[in-house]
Protein backbone atom coordinates (compact mmCIF):
# COMPACT_ATOMS: atom_id res chain seq x y z
CA MET A 1 -114.24 20.88 56.22
CA THR A 2 -114.55 17.79 58.03
CA GLY A 3 -117.29 16.35 59.71
CA LEU A 4 -120.40 15.59 58.43
CA THR A 5 -121.48 18.74 56.62
CA PHE A 6 -125.78 19.93 55.90
CA ARG A 7 -127.32 23.18 56.55
CA PRO A 8 -129.14 24.52 59.22
CA GLN A 9 -132.94 23.20 59.60
CA ARG A 10 -131.87 19.88 57.81
CA ALA A 11 -132.51 16.66 59.76
CA VAL A 12 -129.82 14.38 59.24
CA ALA A 13 -129.25 10.56 60.86
CA LEU A 14 -127.48 10.15 64.03
CA SER A 15 -125.87 7.12 62.51
CA GLU A 16 -124.45 9.26 59.65
CA ILE A 17 -122.23 11.81 62.34
CA PRO A 18 -118.91 10.69 62.75
CA CYS A 19 -117.68 9.46 65.89
CA VAL A 20 -113.67 9.59 65.93
CA THR A 21 -110.95 9.53 68.32
CA ILE A 22 -110.12 12.34 70.60
CA GLY A 23 -107.29 13.18 68.59
CA GLU A 24 -109.10 13.39 65.38
CA PHE A 25 -112.04 15.61 67.30
CA ARG A 26 -109.32 18.47 68.44
CA ASP A 27 -107.77 18.22 65.20
CA THR A 28 -111.05 18.89 63.45
CA VAL A 29 -112.27 21.56 65.73
CA LEU A 30 -109.32 23.56 65.53
CA THR A 31 -108.55 23.30 61.84
CA ALA A 32 -111.70 24.42 61.25
CA VAL A 33 -111.93 27.53 63.72
CA THR A 34 -108.18 28.28 62.06
CA GLU A 35 -109.84 28.30 58.76
CA GLY A 36 -112.83 30.50 59.73
CA GLY A 37 -115.28 28.12 61.03
CA ARG A 38 -116.78 29.00 64.41
CA LEU A 39 -117.92 26.69 67.38
CA ALA A 40 -121.48 26.96 67.36
CA ALA A 41 -122.21 24.30 69.79
CA LEU A 42 -119.97 22.28 72.09
CA PHE A 43 -121.89 19.69 74.24
CA GLY A 44 -121.90 16.26 75.73
CA HIS A 45 -124.48 13.25 75.54
CA PRO A 46 -124.54 10.38 77.83
CA SER A 47 -123.14 7.29 75.97
CA GLU A 48 -122.56 3.65 76.97
CA LYS A 49 -120.73 1.93 79.82
CA GLU A 50 -120.51 5.56 81.78
CA THR A 51 -119.07 7.45 79.07
CA VAL A 52 -119.87 11.00 77.37
CA GLN A 53 -120.13 11.23 73.41
CA LEU A 54 -118.93 15.14 72.67
CA PHE A 55 -120.70 16.66 70.04
CA ALA A 56 -118.78 19.84 68.13
CA VAL A 57 -121.17 22.05 65.79
CA LEU A 58 -118.95 23.83 63.22
CA ALA A 59 -120.73 27.04 61.53
CA TYR A 60 -118.92 28.03 58.14
CA SER A 61 -120.68 31.30 57.40
CA GLY A 62 -119.03 31.93 53.73
CA THR A 63 -120.71 28.76 52.76
CA GLY A 64 -123.94 28.55 55.09
CA MET A 65 -123.04 25.03 56.00
CA LEU A 66 -122.65 23.24 59.32
CA ALA A 67 -120.40 20.41 60.21
CA VAL A 68 -120.49 18.48 63.25
CA THR A 69 -118.39 15.55 64.44
CA SER A 70 -118.50 13.94 67.57
CA THR A 71 -116.11 11.80 70.04
CA VAL A 72 -116.63 9.60 73.24
CA VAL A 73 -114.80 10.44 76.55
CA SER A 74 -114.54 8.85 79.65
CA ASP A 75 -113.44 11.05 82.88
CA GLY A 76 -111.34 13.19 80.88
CA TYR A 77 -109.42 14.48 77.61
CA PRO A 78 -107.03 17.07 76.42
CA ALA A 79 -108.76 20.45 76.47
CA LEU A 80 -109.56 22.53 73.52
CA THR A 81 -109.78 25.69 75.27
CA PRO A 82 -105.68 26.53 75.88
CA ASP A 83 -106.03 26.68 71.60
CA CYS A 84 -109.49 27.72 70.85
CA ALA A 85 -110.78 30.13 73.21
CA GLN A 86 -114.06 29.74 71.72
CA ALA A 87 -114.42 26.26 73.65
CA HIS A 88 -113.53 27.92 76.94
CA TRP A 89 -117.52 28.45 78.35
CA PHE A 90 -118.31 25.20 76.72
CA GLU A 91 -115.67 23.02 78.15
CA ARG A 92 -116.58 24.76 81.72
CA GLU A 93 -120.58 23.90 80.90
CA ILE A 94 -119.39 19.88 79.76
CA ALA A 95 -117.40 19.46 83.03
CA GLU A 96 -120.07 20.77 85.37
CA GLN A 97 -122.62 18.70 83.67
CA TRP A 98 -121.32 15.39 82.97
CA GLY A 99 -118.13 15.14 85.44
CA VAL A 100 -115.84 14.95 82.39
CA ARG A 101 -112.39 16.72 82.94
CA PRO A 102 -110.53 19.03 80.22
CA HIS A 103 -107.45 18.36 81.06
CA GLY A 104 -105.11 21.67 80.57
CA HIS A 105 -108.08 24.32 80.81
CA PRO A 106 -106.70 27.36 82.22
CA TRP A 107 -109.68 28.07 84.56
CA LEU A 108 -111.88 25.22 85.21
CA LYS A 109 -114.59 26.14 87.72
CA PRO A 110 -118.37 26.12 87.00
CA ILE A 111 -120.36 28.37 85.23
CA ARG A 112 -123.40 27.60 87.11
CA PHE A 113 -124.67 26.61 90.67
CA HIS A 114 -125.90 23.07 90.16
CA GLU A 115 -127.76 20.89 92.46
CA SER A 116 -124.44 19.27 93.17
CA TYR A 117 -122.54 22.40 94.64
CA ARG A 118 -125.70 23.52 96.60
CA ALA A 119 -125.61 20.10 98.35
CA GLY A 120 -122.24 20.46 99.41
CA HIS A 121 -120.48 18.25 96.79
CA GLU A 122 -117.74 18.75 94.58
CA VAL A 123 -119.01 19.49 90.79
CA TRP A 124 -116.75 17.08 89.17
CA PRO A 125 -114.44 14.88 90.63
CA HIS A 126 -110.58 15.41 91.13
CA PRO A 127 -108.44 12.63 89.77
CA PRO A 128 -105.35 11.72 91.55
CA GLY A 129 -102.25 14.35 91.01
CA GLN A 130 -104.30 16.64 89.16
CA PRO A 131 -104.56 20.29 90.91
CA LEU A 132 -107.60 21.09 92.59
CA ALA A 133 -110.17 23.15 90.04
CA PRO A 134 -111.50 26.27 91.64
CA SER A 135 -114.63 26.09 93.08
CA VAL A 136 -117.69 28.48 91.82
CA THR A 137 -116.93 30.65 94.47
CA ASP A 138 -112.83 30.68 93.54
CA PHE A 139 -112.24 34.05 91.60
CA PHE A 140 -109.15 34.83 90.05
CA GLN A 141 -106.66 37.41 91.75
CA VAL A 142 -104.46 39.40 90.06
CA GLN A 143 -101.59 40.37 92.64
CA GLY A 144 -99.15 43.58 93.12
CA PRO A 145 -99.09 46.80 95.13
CA ASP A 146 -102.30 48.55 95.59
CA VAL A 147 -104.64 45.67 93.80
CA HIS A 148 -107.82 45.80 95.04
CA GLU A 149 -111.10 44.02 94.57
CA VAL A 150 -114.71 45.21 93.66
CA ALA A 151 -117.38 42.90 94.22
CA VAL A 152 -120.68 43.87 92.60
CA GLY A 153 -123.75 41.45 92.98
CA PRO A 154 -125.29 38.58 93.10
CA VAL A 155 -128.16 40.32 94.58
CA HIS A 156 -128.77 43.78 92.04
CA ALA A 157 -131.67 46.82 92.55
CA GLY A 158 -134.98 46.64 91.01
CA ILE A 159 -135.78 43.10 89.14
CA ILE A 160 -132.31 42.71 87.17
CA GLU A 161 -131.75 38.76 87.92
CA PRO A 162 -129.29 37.60 90.07
CA GLY A 163 -125.34 37.84 88.76
CA HIS A 164 -122.01 38.40 90.28
CA PHE A 165 -119.25 40.58 88.49
CA ARG A 166 -115.65 40.38 90.39
CA PHE A 167 -113.38 42.99 89.43
CA GLN A 168 -109.58 43.16 89.61
CA CYS A 169 -108.77 47.31 90.19
CA HIS A 170 -105.68 49.12 90.53
CA GLY A 171 -107.22 52.32 91.27
CA GLU A 172 -110.13 53.19 89.06
CA GLU A 173 -108.47 51.14 86.29
CA VAL A 174 -110.20 47.41 85.75
CA LEU A 175 -107.20 44.82 85.16
CA HIS A 176 -109.87 42.05 85.57
CA LEU A 177 -113.29 41.08 85.43
CA GLU A 178 -114.55 37.63 85.85
CA ILE A 179 -118.38 37.41 85.51
CA SER A 180 -119.95 34.53 87.67
CA LEU A 181 -124.00 33.56 86.61
CA GLY A 182 -125.89 30.39 87.42
CA TYR A 183 -127.69 31.81 90.43
CA GLN A 184 -130.99 30.62 88.88
CA HIS A 185 -130.10 27.71 86.97
CA ARG A 186 -133.48 26.08 86.07
CA GLY A 187 -132.65 22.80 84.27
CA VAL A 188 -135.32 23.83 81.60
CA GLU A 189 -132.70 21.78 79.23
CA ARG A 190 -133.49 18.78 81.12
CA MET A 191 -137.33 19.31 81.30
CA LEU A 192 -136.96 19.07 77.38
CA VAL A 193 -136.24 15.62 77.34
CA GLY A 194 -138.83 13.58 76.31
CA GLY A 195 -140.92 16.26 74.70
CA PRO A 196 -142.30 17.54 72.26
CA THR A 197 -144.95 17.90 74.94
CA LYS A 198 -147.90 20.54 75.25
CA ARG A 199 -145.13 22.17 77.86
CA THR A 200 -142.49 22.03 75.43
CA ILE A 201 -143.07 25.55 73.27
CA HIS A 202 -143.98 27.76 76.74
CA TYR A 203 -140.40 26.82 77.76
CA MET A 204 -138.85 27.88 74.47
CA GLU A 205 -141.00 31.25 75.09
CA THR A 206 -139.55 31.64 78.52
CA LEU A 207 -136.06 30.56 78.25
CA ALA A 208 -135.45 34.56 77.64
CA GLY A 209 -138.53 36.53 78.36
CA ASP A 210 -137.24 39.40 75.98
CA THR A 211 -136.35 36.32 72.92
CA SER A 212 -139.62 34.72 73.11
CA VAL A 213 -140.27 34.78 69.56
CA GLY A 214 -136.46 34.56 69.13
CA HIS A 215 -136.24 30.91 70.55
CA ALA A 216 -139.79 30.06 69.48
CA THR A 217 -138.76 30.52 65.88
CA ALA A 218 -135.72 28.64 66.78
CA TYR A 219 -137.68 25.30 68.24
CA CYS A 220 -140.48 25.45 65.23
CA HIS A 221 -137.72 24.97 62.74
CA ALA A 222 -135.94 22.29 64.62
CA VAL A 223 -139.44 20.53 64.98
CA GLU A 224 -140.44 21.49 60.89
CA ALA A 225 -137.08 19.84 59.97
CA LEU A 226 -137.37 16.76 61.82
CA THR A 227 -140.98 16.13 60.51
CA GLY A 228 -140.35 17.38 57.19
CA GLY A 229 -143.26 19.66 57.49
CA ARG A 230 -143.61 22.74 55.22
CA VAL A 231 -144.51 26.37 56.98
CA PRO A 232 -147.13 28.07 54.66
CA MET A 233 -145.62 31.61 52.90
CA ARG A 234 -148.11 33.44 54.98
CA ALA A 235 -147.27 32.29 58.10
CA GLN A 236 -143.27 32.53 57.46
CA VAL A 237 -143.80 36.29 56.72
CA VAL A 238 -146.14 36.91 60.00
CA ARG A 239 -143.02 34.92 61.98
CA ALA A 240 -140.50 37.09 60.21
CA ILE A 241 -142.26 40.50 61.21
CA ALA A 242 -142.68 39.43 64.64
CA LEU A 243 -139.36 38.65 64.69
CA GLU A 244 -137.97 42.34 63.52
CA LEU A 245 -140.53 43.61 65.70
CA GLU A 246 -138.98 42.20 68.71
CA ARG A 247 -135.39 43.33 67.48
CA LEU A 248 -137.08 46.93 67.05
CA ALA A 249 -138.30 47.15 70.65
CA ASN A 250 -135.42 45.49 72.54
CA HIS A 251 -133.14 47.61 70.47
CA THR A 252 -134.90 51.07 71.49
CA GLY A 253 -135.01 49.99 74.68
CA ASP A 254 -131.16 49.59 74.63
CA LEU A 255 -130.59 52.89 73.08
CA GLY A 256 -132.58 54.68 75.76
CA ALA A 257 -131.03 52.90 78.53
CA LEU A 258 -127.33 53.92 77.03
CA ALA A 259 -128.76 57.47 77.16
CA GLY A 260 -129.90 57.05 80.59
CA ASP A 261 -126.00 55.68 81.79
CA VAL A 262 -124.67 58.97 80.56
CA GLY A 263 -127.42 61.01 82.55
CA TYR A 264 -128.79 62.08 78.81
CA LEU A 265 -132.80 62.11 80.06
CA PRO A 266 -134.16 62.84 77.07
CA THR A 267 -133.65 60.23 74.98
CA ALA A 268 -133.90 57.61 77.79
CA SER A 269 -136.89 59.18 78.64
CA TYR A 270 -138.46 58.75 75.17
CA CYS A 271 -136.98 55.24 74.35
CA GLY A 272 -138.61 54.02 77.60
CA ARG A 273 -142.23 54.56 76.14
CA ILE A 274 -141.61 54.14 72.61
CA ARG A 275 -140.22 50.66 73.60
CA GLY A 276 -143.77 50.30 74.81
CA ASP A 277 -145.10 51.33 71.30
CA PHE A 278 -143.16 48.24 69.59
CA LEU A 279 -144.06 45.77 71.95
CA ASN A 280 -147.93 46.82 71.81
CA LEU A 281 -147.55 46.11 67.86
CA THR A 282 -146.48 42.58 69.00
CA ALA A 283 -149.41 42.61 71.18
CA LEU A 284 -151.62 43.73 67.84
CA LEU A 285 -150.66 40.64 66.35
CA CYS A 286 -151.53 37.76 69.19
CA GLY A 287 -152.44 39.71 72.29
CA SER A 288 -148.88 39.05 73.84
CA ARG A 289 -146.42 42.25 74.09
CA PHE A 290 -143.64 39.45 74.06
CA GLY A 291 -145.08 37.32 71.51
CA ARG A 292 -146.33 34.42 73.51
CA GLY A 293 -148.70 32.27 71.33
CA LEU A 294 -147.55 33.53 68.21
CA VAL A 295 -145.22 31.12 66.56
CA ARG A 296 -146.02 27.43 66.52
CA PRO A 297 -144.89 24.67 64.59
CA GLY A 298 -146.47 24.55 61.21
CA GLY A 299 -146.81 27.86 61.26
CA VAL A 300 -148.47 30.84 63.48
CA GLY A 301 -151.07 30.63 66.13
CA PHE A 302 -153.20 33.68 64.91
CA ALA A 303 -154.36 34.88 61.90
CA LEU A 304 -153.65 38.31 60.56
CA GLU A 305 -156.50 40.19 59.00
CA ALA A 306 -156.66 43.15 56.96
CA THR A 307 -158.08 45.78 59.71
CA ARG A 308 -154.90 44.68 61.95
CA VAL A 309 -152.92 45.02 59.03
CA ALA A 310 -153.43 48.51 58.48
CA GLN A 311 -153.35 49.28 62.25
CA CYS A 312 -150.13 48.15 62.26
CA GLN A 313 -149.01 50.01 59.40
CA GLU A 314 -150.20 53.04 61.03
CA ARG A 315 -148.45 52.13 64.57
CA LEU A 316 -145.10 51.36 62.84
CA GLU A 317 -144.89 54.48 61.18
CA ARG A 318 -146.18 56.68 64.44
CA ALA A 319 -143.46 55.03 66.19
CA LEU A 320 -140.77 54.98 63.63
CA HIS A 321 -141.35 58.75 63.30
CA ASP A 322 -141.04 59.04 67.20
CA VAL A 323 -137.93 56.71 67.50
CA THR A 324 -135.92 58.49 64.97
CA GLY A 325 -136.43 62.14 66.80
CA ALA A 326 -135.48 60.63 69.74
CA VAL A 327 -132.52 58.64 68.66
CA SER A 328 -131.13 61.78 66.70
CA LEU A 329 -131.15 63.82 69.73
CA LEU A 330 -128.67 61.39 71.14
CA TRP A 331 -126.34 61.37 67.85
CA ASP A 332 -126.23 65.11 68.01
CA THR A 333 -125.43 65.43 71.25
CA PRO A 334 -121.57 65.96 71.34
CA SER A 335 -121.26 64.78 75.15
CA VAL A 336 -123.05 61.98 74.51
CA VAL A 337 -120.86 60.81 71.63
CA ALA A 338 -117.73 61.67 73.42
CA ARG A 339 -118.62 59.40 76.00
CA PHE A 340 -119.43 56.39 73.59
CA GLU A 341 -116.44 56.56 71.70
CA GLU A 342 -113.22 54.79 72.61
CA THR A 343 -115.21 53.25 75.71
CA GLY A 344 -115.19 49.53 76.05
CA VAL A 345 -113.29 48.46 72.81
CA VAL A 346 -113.15 44.76 71.99
CA SER A 347 -110.86 44.55 69.05
CA ARG A 348 -111.86 42.26 65.71
CA GLU A 349 -109.42 39.79 66.55
CA THR A 350 -110.49 39.34 69.88
CA CYS A 351 -114.18 39.81 68.19
CA ASP A 352 -113.02 36.28 66.57
CA ALA A 353 -111.28 34.80 68.96
CA LEU A 354 -114.03 34.65 71.25
CA GLY A 355 -116.80 33.89 68.49
CA LEU A 356 -118.92 36.91 69.53
CA VAL A 357 -122.02 37.02 67.69
CA GLY A 358 -124.91 39.53 67.37
CA PRO A 359 -124.25 43.34 67.43
CA ALA A 360 -121.42 42.52 69.43
CA ALA A 361 -119.64 41.08 66.68
CA ARG A 362 -121.07 43.73 63.94
CA ALA A 363 -119.89 46.17 66.03
CA CYS A 364 -116.13 44.83 65.54
CA GLY A 365 -116.59 44.56 61.74
CA ALA A 366 -117.51 40.87 61.86
CA ASN A 367 -120.04 40.65 58.52
CA ARG A 368 -121.76 38.04 60.88
CA ASP A 369 -125.74 37.48 60.82
CA VAL A 370 -127.75 34.11 61.00
CA ARG A 371 -130.18 35.90 58.24
CA HIS A 372 -127.60 36.55 55.72
CA ASP A 373 -125.14 33.51 56.34
CA PHE A 374 -127.76 30.60 57.35
CA PRO A 375 -130.80 32.30 55.96
CA SER A 376 -134.14 30.80 57.25
CA GLY A 377 -138.11 30.76 56.44
CA LEU A 378 -138.71 34.32 54.60
CA PHE A 379 -134.95 35.19 54.53
CA HIS A 380 -134.21 32.72 52.18
CA VAL A 381 -136.52 35.19 49.66
CA ALA A 382 -136.27 38.54 51.39
CA HIS A 383 -132.97 39.59 52.81
CA LEU A 384 -131.67 42.81 55.12
CA PRO A 385 -128.47 44.42 54.64
CA VAL A 386 -125.85 43.44 57.44
CA ALA A 387 -125.25 46.30 59.69
CA THR A 388 -121.45 47.20 61.01
CA TRP A 389 -119.17 49.60 62.49
CA HIS A 390 -115.49 49.05 62.92
CA THR A 391 -114.40 51.16 66.33
CA GLY A 392 -115.57 48.07 68.68
CA ASP A 393 -116.33 50.57 71.46
CA VAL A 394 -119.50 51.38 73.00
CA PHE A 395 -120.43 53.85 70.25
CA ALA A 396 -120.19 51.20 67.55
CA ARG A 397 -122.74 48.68 69.68
CA ALA A 398 -125.45 51.93 69.69
CA HIS A 399 -124.72 52.64 66.19
CA VAL A 400 -125.16 48.91 64.89
CA ARG A 401 -128.48 49.00 66.97
CA TRP A 402 -129.87 51.94 65.10
CA LEU A 403 -128.45 50.71 61.75
CA GLU A 404 -130.69 47.73 62.43
CA MET A 405 -133.82 49.36 63.54
CA GLN A 406 -133.79 51.51 60.24
CA ARG A 407 -133.56 48.52 58.51
CA SER A 408 -135.51 46.01 60.28
CA SER A 409 -138.40 48.99 59.89
CA ALA A 410 -138.07 48.92 56.65
CA PHE A 411 -138.46 45.26 55.96
CA ILE A 412 -141.60 45.19 57.98
CA ARG A 413 -143.40 47.92 56.52
CA GLU A 414 -142.49 46.11 52.98
CA GLN A 415 -143.79 42.89 54.29
CA LEU A 416 -147.00 44.26 55.77
CA ALA A 417 -147.64 45.94 52.43
CA ALA A 418 -147.35 42.47 50.68
CA LEU A 419 -148.88 40.06 53.23
CA PRO A 420 -149.85 36.90 50.92
CA GLY A 421 -152.62 35.18 51.08
CA GLY A 422 -153.05 31.59 51.73
CA PRO A 423 -153.38 29.23 55.16
CA ASP A 424 -151.55 30.58 58.74
CA HIS A 425 -150.72 26.59 59.47
CA GLU A 426 -150.22 23.32 58.18
CA PRO A 427 -150.16 19.93 60.44
CA LEU A 428 -146.96 18.34 61.26
CA GLY A 429 -146.20 14.32 61.37
CA SER A 430 -144.37 12.55 64.13
CA LEU A 431 -140.42 13.15 65.15
CA PRO A 432 -138.67 10.13 63.16
CA ALA A 433 -136.04 8.25 65.63
CA HIS A 434 -132.29 8.78 65.80
CA HIS A 435 -131.99 12.27 64.09
CA PHE A 436 -130.34 15.11 64.62
CA VAL A 437 -130.85 18.74 63.52
CA VAL A 438 -129.43 22.23 64.16
CA SER A 439 -131.51 25.33 64.08
CA LEU A 440 -129.89 28.71 63.65
CA VAL A 441 -131.96 32.38 63.91
CA GLU A 442 -130.67 35.72 64.43
CA GLY A 443 -132.32 36.85 67.46
CA TRP A 444 -132.06 40.09 68.17
CA ARG A 445 -128.61 39.78 70.49
CA GLY A 446 -127.46 37.44 68.06
CA GLU A 447 -126.96 34.01 66.81
CA ILE A 448 -129.44 31.84 68.76
CA CYS A 449 -128.75 28.00 68.15
CA HIS A 450 -130.91 24.81 68.85
CA VAL A 451 -129.78 21.34 68.79
CA ALA A 452 -132.17 18.56 69.24
CA MET A 453 -131.74 14.69 68.96
CA THR A 454 -134.55 12.16 68.63
CA ASP A 455 -134.57 8.67 70.21
CA ALA A 456 -136.08 5.29 69.04
CA ALA A 457 -139.58 6.55 70.17
CA GLY A 458 -138.91 9.88 68.22
CA HIS A 459 -138.83 11.72 71.50
CA PHE A 460 -136.02 14.32 72.55
CA SER A 461 -133.36 12.32 73.70
CA LEU A 462 -131.24 15.58 73.64
CA TYR A 463 -131.78 19.34 73.45
CA LYS A 464 -129.51 22.26 73.63
CA VAL A 465 -130.11 25.61 73.50
CA VAL A 466 -127.22 28.18 72.99
CA ASP A 467 -128.39 31.67 73.69
CA PRO A 468 -126.31 34.45 72.34
CA SER A 469 -125.16 35.33 75.69
CA PHE A 470 -123.73 32.29 76.22
CA HIS A 471 -121.19 33.37 73.35
CA ASN A 472 -120.63 36.90 74.54
CA TRP A 473 -120.58 37.32 78.41
CA MET A 474 -116.96 37.05 78.02
CA GLY A 475 -116.85 39.64 75.47
CA LEU A 476 -118.12 41.89 78.04
CA ALA A 477 -115.10 40.50 80.74
CA VAL A 478 -112.74 41.62 78.10
CA ALA A 479 -114.17 45.12 77.37
CA LEU A 480 -113.76 45.89 80.77
CA ARG A 481 -109.63 45.62 80.48
CA ASN A 482 -107.90 48.49 81.15
CA GLN A 483 -111.11 50.78 81.48
CA GLN A 484 -112.80 53.09 84.47
CA ILE A 485 -114.63 50.75 86.80
CA SER A 486 -117.12 53.72 86.25
CA ASP A 487 -117.37 52.63 82.74
CA PHE A 488 -119.05 49.28 83.37
CA PRO A 489 -122.60 50.07 83.56
CA LEU A 490 -121.90 51.67 80.40
CA CYS A 491 -119.99 48.85 78.42
CA ASN A 492 -122.91 46.09 80.42
CA LYS A 493 -125.58 47.96 78.63
CA SER A 494 -124.09 47.95 75.64
CA PHE A 495 -123.82 44.26 75.94
CA ASN A 496 -127.09 43.60 77.64
CA LEU A 497 -126.79 40.33 77.77
CA SER A 498 -129.15 37.61 79.11
CA TYR A 499 -129.07 35.87 82.79
CA CYS A 500 -131.75 33.72 82.25
CA GLY A 501 -131.13 32.70 78.60
CA HIS A 502 -127.50 31.65 80.12
CA ASP A 503 -128.90 30.04 83.39
CA LEU A 504 -130.74 27.30 81.55
């Protein structure tokens, strides 16, 4: 393990982070990934004399440790992607944000529509003698007899956010899928610089609306680590309950939607309603079905008295009874299970190469869960078994969700029955100058990573968010290879990735 090593939710001085040559930087990252580490974050930050400092955050699940290293580059550097597929999306983002070209990147095009593109300018300059990089509207093409393209989006029916999917097909078989996002790039990370302010927590809760609790928790962990604040145990328990309720609500919705995608309406109808029951449980805690206003730096924003605890317990048991019946219908219907099995397979090798996270990774047999590998808050002392399956297909991604629902519900039941007393909130001090922290939380889609850096005044000089969808979109693209194009809705829903969480 090389670079500065530390645990998540532990602030370190920026001066302690090594700044090495680009060759040493590449060797550190590639060696770490080869030895079982994973690229949790890779990003740039403006440095002196029109240069950019690159930071790599490496996660070692076996030890629960992180390592960070950095290097300074100007207009370009040798790309990591040809040797480390996990860097593919990150390096495209670095290029579009800072104009730094990763030389040798196999498909260097923007992952978002930035202002420079909308203004008709190049997203980054092309050095003399270098081939032109693809523009955001260029797509990889497969050549050959009878090969054709199918374009889906970016405008979709209903309320789904925009995203474009370009299929290269031979008949009904998908040879390649390219995913183009960023149509609603909001500049949230840019707005976080200079914080924390009164608006900061609200940005966190709306980074990805269905993960309000997860992102708010990651932010609060980062601020609490920087200030050295301690969160009361009662508040930690309430946070963990809210995080698992968010998981229950979204997994219930996903299982219902998967049933709907194969035309099995009983489970689809039931789960659509039962998802609302879990959301209403979160609303019982704080007045918001999405958990907004609940998680706050230093603790939680609402007290949970005995009457509401009893109501939560009663409603939870009722919802669990209903969802168990609805999901049992799914597993007891052979035609549904047959449709799920061997559809959208992602191998364990591909999962590890791409650095997939969350249920998508655990469905490939990867024992990868932040609550287990990098525990924080209540998960230091209260452990949930990691739910995995081995087939890597739609069935596995659905089955892992159901296993997690059972374990999350048992966890919530246990915590409500033994909710400790004490305060719900403790005041925090000011942020220190020139410090660095990484916060990891297991959201319902997978690993949420927040990285914060402070300036001389103790304000955020950089705030980097890596939503789990950022790691997993390429997994969806790979899952469609050699599948029928009619399998796309089912595969897409089995990942259920976030557009807005990606398009920050």
